Amino acid sequence: MMDKANHNLRVPNRPEVLMERQEETAPDTMGKKKLALIVESQRLFRDALKFRLACETEFEVIGEARDGEEAIRFLRSTKPDLVMLALSMPRIDGFSVLRFTKRTNPSIKILVLTVHDSKEYVMNAFRLGADGYCLKDSSWEEMLLGMRSVLNGEMYICPGIAKKVNIGYIGGSRHIREKSAMEALSNRQREILKLIAEGYKNKDISQLLNIKLKTVEKHRANLISKLDLHNIAALTAFAYEHGLIISKS
């Protein structure tokens, strides 16, 4: 399911009213502005975030990306303080961006902004290094609290998720429950499964991920073995069921 913009981030007709209200609660930020990157496939949601952040004196949006590929390209040359990251995006998803960012620049704070509220999504995001997790139907105040919290070195979970996920469960999740079929896959295998399900051939995948063709073939064989799925239709169905690709229906 494609992440969708939510009504809480609609641009108001009277921006001066919004600015006056937020100035009352905004912290005293005389220091350097926090640089933010927005990674989101939905243009309306990106624009709404940019508008809201423009009303906050402590933030400056220095870039935006429509998908994971653009985000990774941006992050190779620029280091923001904060990344606001969607999970469901075409080609390279948010999980891959999260993994790349935490491997190359672990000090960058990442707040996931998504519609996905399942325990599997939440656990995987934190396992890959997310600093916070917020649903798109959260209020702007909750999103702003999430941004400020992660920038202060605190883990943030919005109330909508906290009701469903035991916070203490997150830290020790690897030792508490058995891995599902999805969790048994490596991050690279998930990337390859996603691309297979989207119709990419082995050669295309090797070029896109910059790995050898034989490596792709090996991962594909391991996918078939681990999942016990022996054709593209079955692999595609599995990818749909676990949210790796977005239904076009």
C-alpha atoms as a PDB file:
ATOM      1  CA  MET A   1       0.000   0.000   0.000  1.00  0.00           C
ATOM      2  CA  MET A   2       1.382   3.308  -1.102  1.00  0.00           C
ATOM      3  CA  ASP A   3       1.906   5.802   1.676  1.00  0.00           C
ATOM      4  CA  LYS A   4      -0.754   8.521   1.322  1.00  0.00           C
ATOM      5  CA  ALA A   5      -0.785  12.156   2.434  1.00  0.00           C
ATOM      6  CA  ASN A   6      -3.028  12.708   5.427  1.00  0.00           C
ATOM      7  CA  HIS A   7      -5.518  15.438   6.162  1.00  0.00           C
ATOM      8  CA  ASN A   8      -3.586  16.699   9.180  1.00  0.00           C
ATOM      9  CA  LEU A   9      -0.943  18.191   6.894  1.00  0.00           C
ATOM     10  CA  ARG A  10      -3.184  20.175   4.587  1.00  0.00           C
ATOM     11  CA  VAL A  11      -1.874  23.652   3.868  1.00  0.00           C
ATOM     12  CA  PRO A  12      -4.135  26.108   5.707  1.00  0.00           C
ATOM     13  CA  ASN A  13      -5.756  29.057   3.967  1.00  0.00           C
ATOM     14  CA  ARG A  14      -4.305  31.516   6.488  1.00  0.00           C
ATOM     15  CA  PRO A  15      -0.610  30.698   7.044  1.00  0.00           C
ATOM     16  CA  GLU A  16      -0.193  33.749   9.282  1.00  0.00           C
ATOM     17  CA  VAL A  17      -2.573  32.163  11.827  1.00  0.00           C
ATOM     18  CA  LEU A  18      -0.564  28.932  11.790  1.00  0.00           C
ATOM     19  CA  MET A  19       2.692  30.795  12.310  1.00  0.00           C
ATOM     20  CA  GLU A  20       1.307  32.839  15.188  1.00  0.00           C
ATOM     21  CA  ARG A  21       0.011  29.702  16.930  1.00  0.00           C
ATOM     22  CA  GLN A  22       3.244  27.755  16.510  1.00  0.00           C
ATOM     23  CA  GLU A  23       5.457  30.646  17.613  1.00  0.00           C
ATOM     24  CA  GLU A  24       3.805  30.354  21.026  1.00  0.00           C
ATOM     25  CA  THR A  25       5.029  26.783  21.505  1.00  0.00           C
ATOM     26  CA  ALA A  26       8.251  26.752  19.467  1.00  0.00           C
ATOM     27  CA  PRO A  27      11.437  26.405  21.502  1.00  0.00           C
ATOM     28  CA  ASP A  28      13.959  29.216  21.731  1.00  0.00           C
ATOM     29  CA  THR A  29      16.377  28.245  18.970  1.00  0.00           C
ATOM     30  CA  MET A  30      19.098  30.829  18.653  1.00  0.00           C
ATOM     31  CA  GLY A  31      21.603  28.227  17.484  1.00  0.00           C
ATOM     32  CA  LYS A  32      22.151  26.581  14.146  1.00  0.00           C
ATOM     33  CA  LYS A  33      19.122  25.320  12.255  1.00  0.00           C
ATOM     34  CA  LYS A  34      18.625  21.583  11.905  1.00  0.00           C
ATOM     35  CA  LEU A  35      18.944  20.484   8.298  1.00  0.00           C
ATOM     36  CA  ALA A  36      16.192  18.144   7.080  1.00  0.00           C
ATOM     37  CA  LEU A  37      15.720  15.840   4.095  1.00  0.00           C
ATOM     38  CA  ILE A  38      12.217  14.719   3.116  1.00  0.00           C
ATOM     39  CA  VAL A  39      11.990  11.307   1.425  1.00  0.00           C
ATOM     40  CA  GLU A  40       8.427  10.748   0.242  1.00  0.00           C
ATOM     41  CA  SER A  41       6.877   9.573  -3.031  1.00  0.00           C
ATOM     42  CA  GLN A  42       3.670  11.591  -2.645  1.00  0.00           C
ATOM     43  CA  ARG A  43       4.162  15.176  -3.801  1.00  0.00           C
ATOM     44  CA  LEU A  44       1.252  16.598  -1.777  1.00  0.00           C
ATOM     45  CA  PHE A  45       2.665  15.163   1.418  1.00  0.00           C
ATOM     46  CA  ARG A  46       6.173  16.467   0.619  1.00  0.00           C
ATOM     47  CA  ASP A  47       4.808  19.933  -0.053  1.00  0.00           C
ATOM     48  CA  ALA A  48       2.753  19.921   3.137  1.00  0.00           C
ATOM     49  CA  LEU A  49       5.787  18.903   5.196  1.00  0.00           C
ATOM     50  CA  LYS A  50       7.904  21.632   3.618  1.00  0.00           C
ATOM     51  CA  PHE A  51       5.241  24.229   4.373  1.00  0.00           C
ATOM     52  CA  ARG A  52       4.904  23.138   7.979  1.00  0.00           C
ATOM     53  CA  LEU A  53       8.654  23.053   8.557  1.00  0.00           C
ATOM     54  CA  ALA A  54       9.035  26.501   7.013  1.00  0.00           C
ATOM     55  CA  CYS A  55       6.922  27.760   9.918  1.00  0.00           C
ATOM     56  CA  GLU A  56       9.333  26.247  12.459  1.00  0.00           C
ATOM     57  CA  THR A  57      12.358  28.430  13.152  1.00  0.00           C
ATOM     58  CA  GLU A  58      14.690  25.559  14.107  1.00  0.00           C
ATOM     59  CA  PHE A  59      14.410  23.595  10.830  1.00  0.00           C
ATOM     60  CA  GLU A  60      15.611  24.096   7.286  1.00  0.00           C
ATOM     61  CA  VAL A  61      14.629  21.698   4.487  1.00  0.00           C
ATOM     62  CA  ILE A  62      17.721  21.229   2.333  1.00  0.00           C
ATOM     63  CA  GLY A  63      16.400  18.539   0.021  1.00  0.00           C
ATOM     64  CA  GLU A  64      13.619  16.213  -0.991  1.00  0.00           C
ATOM     65  CA  ALA A  65      13.554  12.833  -2.727  1.00  0.00           C
ATOM     66  CA  ARG A  66      10.704  11.105  -4.514  1.00  0.00           C
ATOM     67  CA  ASP A  67      12.072   7.602  -4.008  1.00  0.00           C
ATOM     68  CA  GLY A  68      14.853   5.653  -2.367  1.00  0.00           C
ATOM     69  CA  GLU A  69      17.209   5.969  -5.309  1.00  0.00           C
ATOM     70  CA  GLU A  70      17.070   9.780  -5.193  1.00  0.00           C
ATOM     71  CA  ALA A  71      17.481   9.711  -1.426  1.00  0.00           C
ATOM     72  CA  ILE A  72      20.614   7.578  -1.533  1.00  0.00           C
ATOM     73  CA  ARG A  73      22.098   9.760  -4.275  1.00  0.00           C
ATOM     74  CA  PHE A  74      21.475  12.847  -2.119  1.00  0.00           C
ATOM     75  CA  LEU A  75      22.899  11.236   1.019  1.00  0.00           C
ATOM     76  CA  ARG A  76      26.127  10.278  -0.745  1.00  0.00           C
ATOM     77  CA  SER A  77      27.060  13.953  -1.005  1.00  0.00           C
ATOM     78  CA  THR A  78      25.102  15.753   1.710  1.00  0.00           C
ATOM     79  CA  LYS A  79      24.667  15.138   5.427  1.00  0.00           C
ATOM     80  CA  PRO A  80      21.390  16.397   6.904  1.00  0.00           C
ATOM     81  CA  ASP A  81      20.683  16.276  10.621  1.00  0.00           C
ATOM     82  CA  LEU A  82      17.301  14.627  10.087  1.00  0.00           C
ATOM     83  CA  VAL A  83      15.694  12.422   7.455  1.00  0.00           C
ATOM     84  CA  MET A  84      11.906  12.130   7.355  1.00  0.00           C
ATOM     85  CA  LEU A  85      11.459   8.807   5.618  1.00  0.00           C
ATOM     86  CA  ALA A  86       8.527   7.038   3.998  1.00  0.00           C
ATOM     87  CA  LEU A  87       8.711   3.249   3.747  1.00  0.00           C
ATOM     88  CA  SER A  88       6.643   2.376   0.670  1.00  0.00           C
ATOM     89  CA  MET A  89       8.320   3.749  -2.429  1.00  0.00           C
ATOM     90  CA  PRO A  90       8.981   2.373  -5.919  1.00  0.00           C
ATOM     91  CA  ARG A  91      12.219   0.600  -6.814  1.00  0.00           C
ATOM     92  CA  ILE A  92      14.277   1.227  -3.665  1.00  0.00           C
ATOM     93  CA  ASP A  93      12.133   1.373  -0.534  1.00  0.00           C
ATOM     94  CA  GLY A  94      12.547   3.169   2.766  1.00  0.00           C
ATOM     95  CA  PHE A  95      14.052   0.179   4.552  1.00  0.00           C
ATOM     96  CA  SER A  96      16.956   0.164   2.089  1.00  0.00           C
ATOM     97  CA  VAL A  97      17.465   3.908   2.554  1.00  0.00           C
ATOM     98  CA  LEU A  98      17.422   3.397   6.309  1.00  0.00           C
ATOM     99  CA  ARG A  99      20.018   0.644   6.151  1.00  0.00           C
ATOM    100  CA  PHE A 100      22.269   2.689   3.805  1.00  0.00           C
ATOM    101  CA  THR A 101      22.057   5.813   5.954  1.00  0.00           C
ATOM    102  CA  LYS A 102      22.859   4.100   9.232  1.00  0.00           C
ATOM    103  CA  ARG A 103      25.805   2.288   7.672  1.00  0.00           C
ATOM    104  CA  THR A 104      27.348   5.355   6.067  1.00  0.00           C
ATOM    105  CA  ASN A 105      26.301   8.162   8.438  1.00  0.00           C
ATOM    106  CA  PRO A 106      24.959   6.662  11.672  1.00  0.00           C
ATOM    107  CA  SER A 107      24.732  10.079  13.341  1.00  0.00           C
ATOM    108  CA  ILE A 108      21.933  11.141  10.964  1.00  0.00           C
ATOM    109  CA  LYS A 109      18.599  10.882  12.766  1.00  0.00           C
ATOM    110  CA  ILE A 110      15.763   9.125  10.944  1.00  0.00           C
ATOM    111  CA  LEU A 111      12.094   9.573  11.691  1.00  0.00           C
ATOM    112  CA  VAL A 112       9.902   7.147   9.777  1.00  0.00           C
ATOM    113  CA  LEU A 113       6.648   8.712   8.533  1.00  0.00           C
ATOM    114  CA  THR A 114       4.330   6.039   7.181  1.00  0.00           C
ATOM    115  CA  VAL A 115       0.831   4.570   7.061  1.00  0.00           C
ATOM    116  CA  HIS A 116       2.116   1.144   8.093  1.00  0.00           C
ATOM    117  CA  ASP A 117       1.208   0.315  11.681  1.00  0.00           C
ATOM    118  CA  SER A 118       1.906  -3.436  11.728  1.00  0.00           C
ATOM    119  CA  LYS A 119       4.304  -4.807  14.299  1.00  0.00           C
ATOM    120  CA  GLU A 120       6.492  -6.269  11.548  1.00  0.00           C
ATOM    121  CA  TYR A 121       7.084  -2.876   9.941  1.00  0.00           C
ATOM    122  CA  VAL A 122       7.800  -1.201  13.270  1.00  0.00           C
ATOM    123  CA  MET A 123      10.198  -3.889  14.454  1.00  0.00           C
ATOM    124  CA  ASN A 124      12.092  -3.993  11.169  1.00  0.00           C
ATOM    125  CA  ALA A 125      12.462  -0.205  11.089  1.00  0.00           C
ATOM    126  CA  PHE A 126      13.975  -0.087  14.578  1.00  0.00           C
ATOM    127  CA  ARG A 127      16.096  -3.147  13.873  1.00  0.00           C
ATOM    128  CA  LEU A 128      17.655  -1.262  10.950  1.00  0.00           C
ATOM    129  CA  GLY A 129      18.375   1.766  13.111  1.00  0.00           C
ATOM    130  CA  ALA A 130      15.342   4.075  12.920  1.00  0.00           C
ATOM    131  CA  ASP A 131      15.305   6.696  15.666  1.00  0.00           C
ATOM    132  CA  GLY A 132      11.565   7.259  15.589  1.00  0.00           C
ATOM    133  CA  TYR A 133       8.350   5.938  14.046  1.00  0.00           C
ATOM    134  CA  CYS A 134       5.312   8.100  13.370  1.00  0.00           C
ATOM    135  CA  LEU A 135       2.087   7.422  11.477  1.00  0.00           C
ATOM    136  CA  LYS A 136       0.975   9.811   8.769  1.00  0.00           C
ATOM    137  CA  ASP A 137      -2.412  10.290  10.382  1.00  0.00           C
ATOM    138  CA  SER A 138      -0.729  11.674  13.490  1.00  0.00           C
ATOM    139  CA  SER A 139      -1.264  15.328  14.328  1.00  0.00           C
ATOM    140  CA  TRP A 140       1.379  17.860  13.316  1.00  0.00           C
ATOM    141  CA  GLU A 141       2.185  18.352  16.986  1.00  0.00           C
ATOM    142  CA  GLU A 142       2.994  14.647  17.321  1.00  0.00           C
ATOM    143  CA  MET A 143       5.187  14.702  14.206  1.00  0.00           C
ATOM    144  CA  LEU A 144       7.004  17.788  15.461  1.00  0.00           C
ATOM    145  CA  LEU A 145       7.530  16.136  18.840  1.00  0.00           C
ATOM    146  CA  GLY A 146       8.960  13.117  17.030  1.00  0.00           C
ATOM    147  CA  MET A 147      11.433  15.253  15.084  1.00  0.00           C
ATOM    148  CA  ARG A 148      12.598  17.119  18.148  1.00  0.00           C
ATOM    149  CA  SER A 149      12.827  13.921  20.206  1.00  0.00           C
ATOM    150  CA  VAL A 150      15.070  12.030  17.781  1.00  0.00           C
ATOM    151  CA  LEU A 151      17.282  15.082  17.291  1.00  0.00           C
ATOM    152  CA  ASN A 152      17.736  15.117  21.079  1.00  0.00           C
ATOM    153  CA  GLY A 153      18.877  11.501  20.992  1.00  0.00           C
ATOM    154  CA  GLU A 154      15.606  10.014  22.219  1.00  0.00           C
ATOM    155  CA  MET A 155      13.636   7.181  20.638  1.00  0.00           C
ATOM    156  CA  TYR A 156      10.163   8.262  19.551  1.00  0.00           C
ATOM    157  CA  ILE A 157       7.051   6.172  18.916  1.00  0.00           C
ATOM    158  CA  CYS A 158       3.793   7.968  18.156  1.00  0.00           C
ATOM    159  CA  PRO A 159       0.785   7.170  20.365  1.00  0.00           C
ATOM    160  CA  GLY A 160      -0.931   5.244  17.567  1.00  0.00           C
ATOM    161  CA  ILE A 161       1.970   2.780  17.487  1.00  0.00           C
ATOM    162  CA  ALA A 162       2.683   2.768  21.218  1.00  0.00           C
ATOM    163  CA  LYS A 163      -0.795   1.337  21.777  1.00  0.00           C
ATOM    164  CA  LYS A 164       0.051  -1.684  19.633  1.00  0.00           C
ATOM    165  CA  VAL A 165       3.735  -2.278  20.319  1.00  0.00           C
ATOM    166  CA  ASN A 166       5.299  -2.835  23.702  1.00  0.00           C
ATOM    167  CA  ILE A 167       8.249  -0.415  23.817  1.00  0.00           C
ATOM    168  CA  GLY A 168      10.267  -2.775  25.960  1.00  0.00           C
ATOM    169  CA  TYR A 169       9.741  -5.417  23.316  1.00  0.00           C
ATOM    170  CA  ILE A 170      11.634  -3.396  20.697  1.00  0.00           C
ATOM    171  CA  GLY A 171      15.061  -3.513  22.276  1.00  0.00           C
ATOM    172  CA  GLY A 172      15.115  -7.283  22.812  1.00  0.00           C
ATOM    173  CA  SER A 173      13.026  -8.332  19.854  1.00  0.00           C
ATOM    174  CA  ARG A 174      15.714 -10.494  18.275  1.00  0.00           C
ATOM    175  CA  HIS A 175      15.803 -12.762  21.295  1.00  0.00           C
ATOM    176  CA  ILE A 176      12.110 -12.851  22.191  1.00  0.00           C
ATOM    177  CA  ARG A 177      10.394 -14.342  19.192  1.00  0.00           C
ATOM    178  CA  GLU A 178      11.206 -16.626  16.301  1.00  0.00           C
ATOM    179  CA  LYS A 179      11.852 -15.033  12.964  1.00  0.00           C
ATOM    180  CA  SER A 180       9.028 -15.027  10.446  1.00  0.00           C
ATOM    181  CA  ALA A 181       9.726 -16.062   6.867  1.00  0.00           C
ATOM    182  CA  MET A 182      10.177 -12.402   5.989  1.00  0.00           C
ATOM    183  CA  GLU A 183      12.596 -11.751   8.825  1.00  0.00           C
ATOM    184  CA  ALA A 184      14.664 -14.760   7.816  1.00  0.00           C
ATOM    185  CA  LEU A 185      15.641 -12.914   4.642  1.00  0.00           C
ATOM    186  CA  SER A 186      18.696 -10.702   4.571  1.00  0.00           C
ATOM    187  CA  ASN A 187      18.290  -7.047   3.617  1.00  0.00           C
ATOM    188  CA  ARG A 188      19.872  -7.735   0.246  1.00  0.00           C
ATOM    189  CA  GLN A 189      17.500 -10.639  -0.366  1.00  0.00           C
ATOM    190  CA  ARG A 190      14.554  -8.365   0.397  1.00  0.00           C
ATOM    191  CA  GLU A 191      15.822  -5.815  -2.097  1.00  0.00           C
ATOM    192  CA  ILE A 192      16.184  -8.486  -4.766  1.00  0.00           C
ATOM    193  CA  LEU A 193      12.783 -10.026  -3.971  1.00  0.00           C
ATOM    194  CA  LYS A 194      11.175  -6.602  -4.338  1.00  0.00           C
ATOM    195  CA  LEU A 195      12.795  -6.043  -7.735  1.00  0.00           C
ATOM    196  CA  ILE A 196      11.918  -9.553  -8.951  1.00  0.00           C
ATOM    197  CA  ALA A 197       8.309  -8.948  -7.987  1.00  0.00           C
ATOM    198  CA  GLU A 198       8.360  -5.631  -9.871  1.00  0.00           C
ATOM    199  CA  GLY A 199       9.400  -7.473 -13.035  1.00  0.00           C
ATOM    200  CA  TYR A 200      13.125  -6.792 -13.179  1.00  0.00           C
ATOM    201  CA  LYS A 201      15.381  -9.440 -14.765  1.00  0.00           C
ATOM    202  CA  ASN A 202      18.560 -10.683 -13.100  1.00  0.00           C
ATOM    203  CA  LYS A 203      20.749  -8.533 -15.358  1.00  0.00           C
ATOM    204  CA  ASP A 204      18.705  -5.416 -14.578  1.00  0.00           C
ATOM    205  CA  ILE A 205      18.928  -6.116 -10.854  1.00  0.00           C
ATOM    206  CA  SER A 206      22.699  -6.536 -10.980  1.00  0.00           C
ATOM    207  CA  GLN A 207      23.046  -3.158 -12.691  1.00  0.00           C
ATOM    208  CA  LEU A 208      20.593  -1.393 -10.381  1.00  0.00           C
ATOM    209  CA  LEU A 209      22.209  -2.706  -7.186  1.00  0.00           C
ATOM    210  CA  ASN A 210      25.740  -2.604  -8.632  1.00  0.00           C
ATOM    211  CA  ILE A 211      26.458  -6.254  -7.854  1.00  0.00           C
ATOM    212  CA  LYS A 212      27.598  -9.171  -9.999  1.00  0.00           C
ATOM    213  CA  LEU A 213      25.068 -11.170 -11.998  1.00  0.00           C
ATOM    214  CA  LYS A 214      26.193 -14.370 -10.261  1.00  0.00           C
ATOM    215  CA  THR A 215      25.498 -12.732  -6.898  1.00  0.00           C
ATOM    216  CA  VAL A 216      21.935 -11.954  -7.971  1.00  0.00           C
ATOM    217  CA  GLU A 217      21.463 -15.535  -9.170  1.00  0.00           C
ATOM    218  CA  LYS A 218      22.762 -16.877  -5.857  1.00  0.00           C
ATOM    219  CA  HIS A 219      20.427 -14.646  -3.850  1.00  0.00           C
ATOM    220  CA  ARG A 220      17.527 -15.689  -6.061  1.00  0.00           C
ATOM    221  CA  ALA A 221      18.276 -19.342  -5.424  1.00  0.00           C
ATOM    222  CA  ASN A 222      18.454 -18.689  -1.682  1.00  0.00           C
ATOM    223  CA  LEU A 223      15.105 -16.894  -1.816  1.00  0.00           C
ATOM    224  CA  ILE A 224      13.486 -19.875  -3.480  1.00  0.00           C
ATOM    225  CA  SER A 225      15.002 -22.203  -0.909  1.00  0.00           C
ATOM    226  CA  LYS A 226      14.167 -20.132   2.197  1.00  0.00           C
ATOM    227  CA  LEU A 227      10.615 -19.317   1.162  1.00  0.00           C
ATOM    228  CA  ASP A 228       9.893 -22.603  -0.621  1.00  0.00           C
ATOM    229  CA  LEU A 229       8.427 -20.605  -3.488  1.00  0.00           C
ATOM    230  CA  HIS A 230       9.475 -21.868  -6.884  1.00  0.00           C
ATOM    231  CA  ASN A 231       8.147 -19.420  -9.473  1.00  0.00           C
ATOM    232  CA  ILE A 232       7.911 -15.680 -10.045  1.00  0.00           C
ATOM    233  CA  ALA A 233       4.147 -15.597  -9.439  1.00  0.00           C
ATOM    234  CA  ALA A 234       4.580 -17.080  -5.957  1.00  0.00           C
ATOM    235  CA  LEU A 235       7.477 -14.743  -5.130  1.00  0.00           C
ATOM    236  CA  THR A 236       5.436 -11.759  -6.331  1.00  0.00           C
ATOM    237  CA  ALA A 237       2.435 -12.790  -4.232  1.00  0.00           C
ATOM    238  CA  PHE A 238       4.689 -13.107  -1.166  1.00  0.00           C
ATOM    239  CA  ALA A 239       6.150  -9.643  -1.809  1.00  0.00           C
ATOM    240  CA  TYR A 240       2.659  -8.137  -2.058  1.00  0.00           C
ATOM    241  CA  GLU A 241       1.503  -9.849   1.140  1.00  0.00           C
ATOM    242  CA  HIS A 242       4.466  -8.472   3.094  1.00  0.00           C
ATOM    243  CA  GLY A 243       4.295  -4.910   1.778  1.00  0.00           C
ATOM    244  CA  LEU A 244       7.480  -4.947  -0.316  1.00  0.00           C
ATOM    245  CA  ILE A 245       5.648  -3.729  -3.381  1.00  0.00           C
ATOM    246  CA  ILE A 246       2.583  -1.613  -3.870  1.00  0.00           C
ATOM    247  CA  SER A 247      -0.576  -3.018  -5.360  1.00  0.00           C
ATOM    248  CA  LYS A 248      -1.584  -1.290  -8.570  1.00  0.00           C
ATOM    249  CA  SER A 249      -5.224  -2.306  -8.243  1.00  0.00           C
END
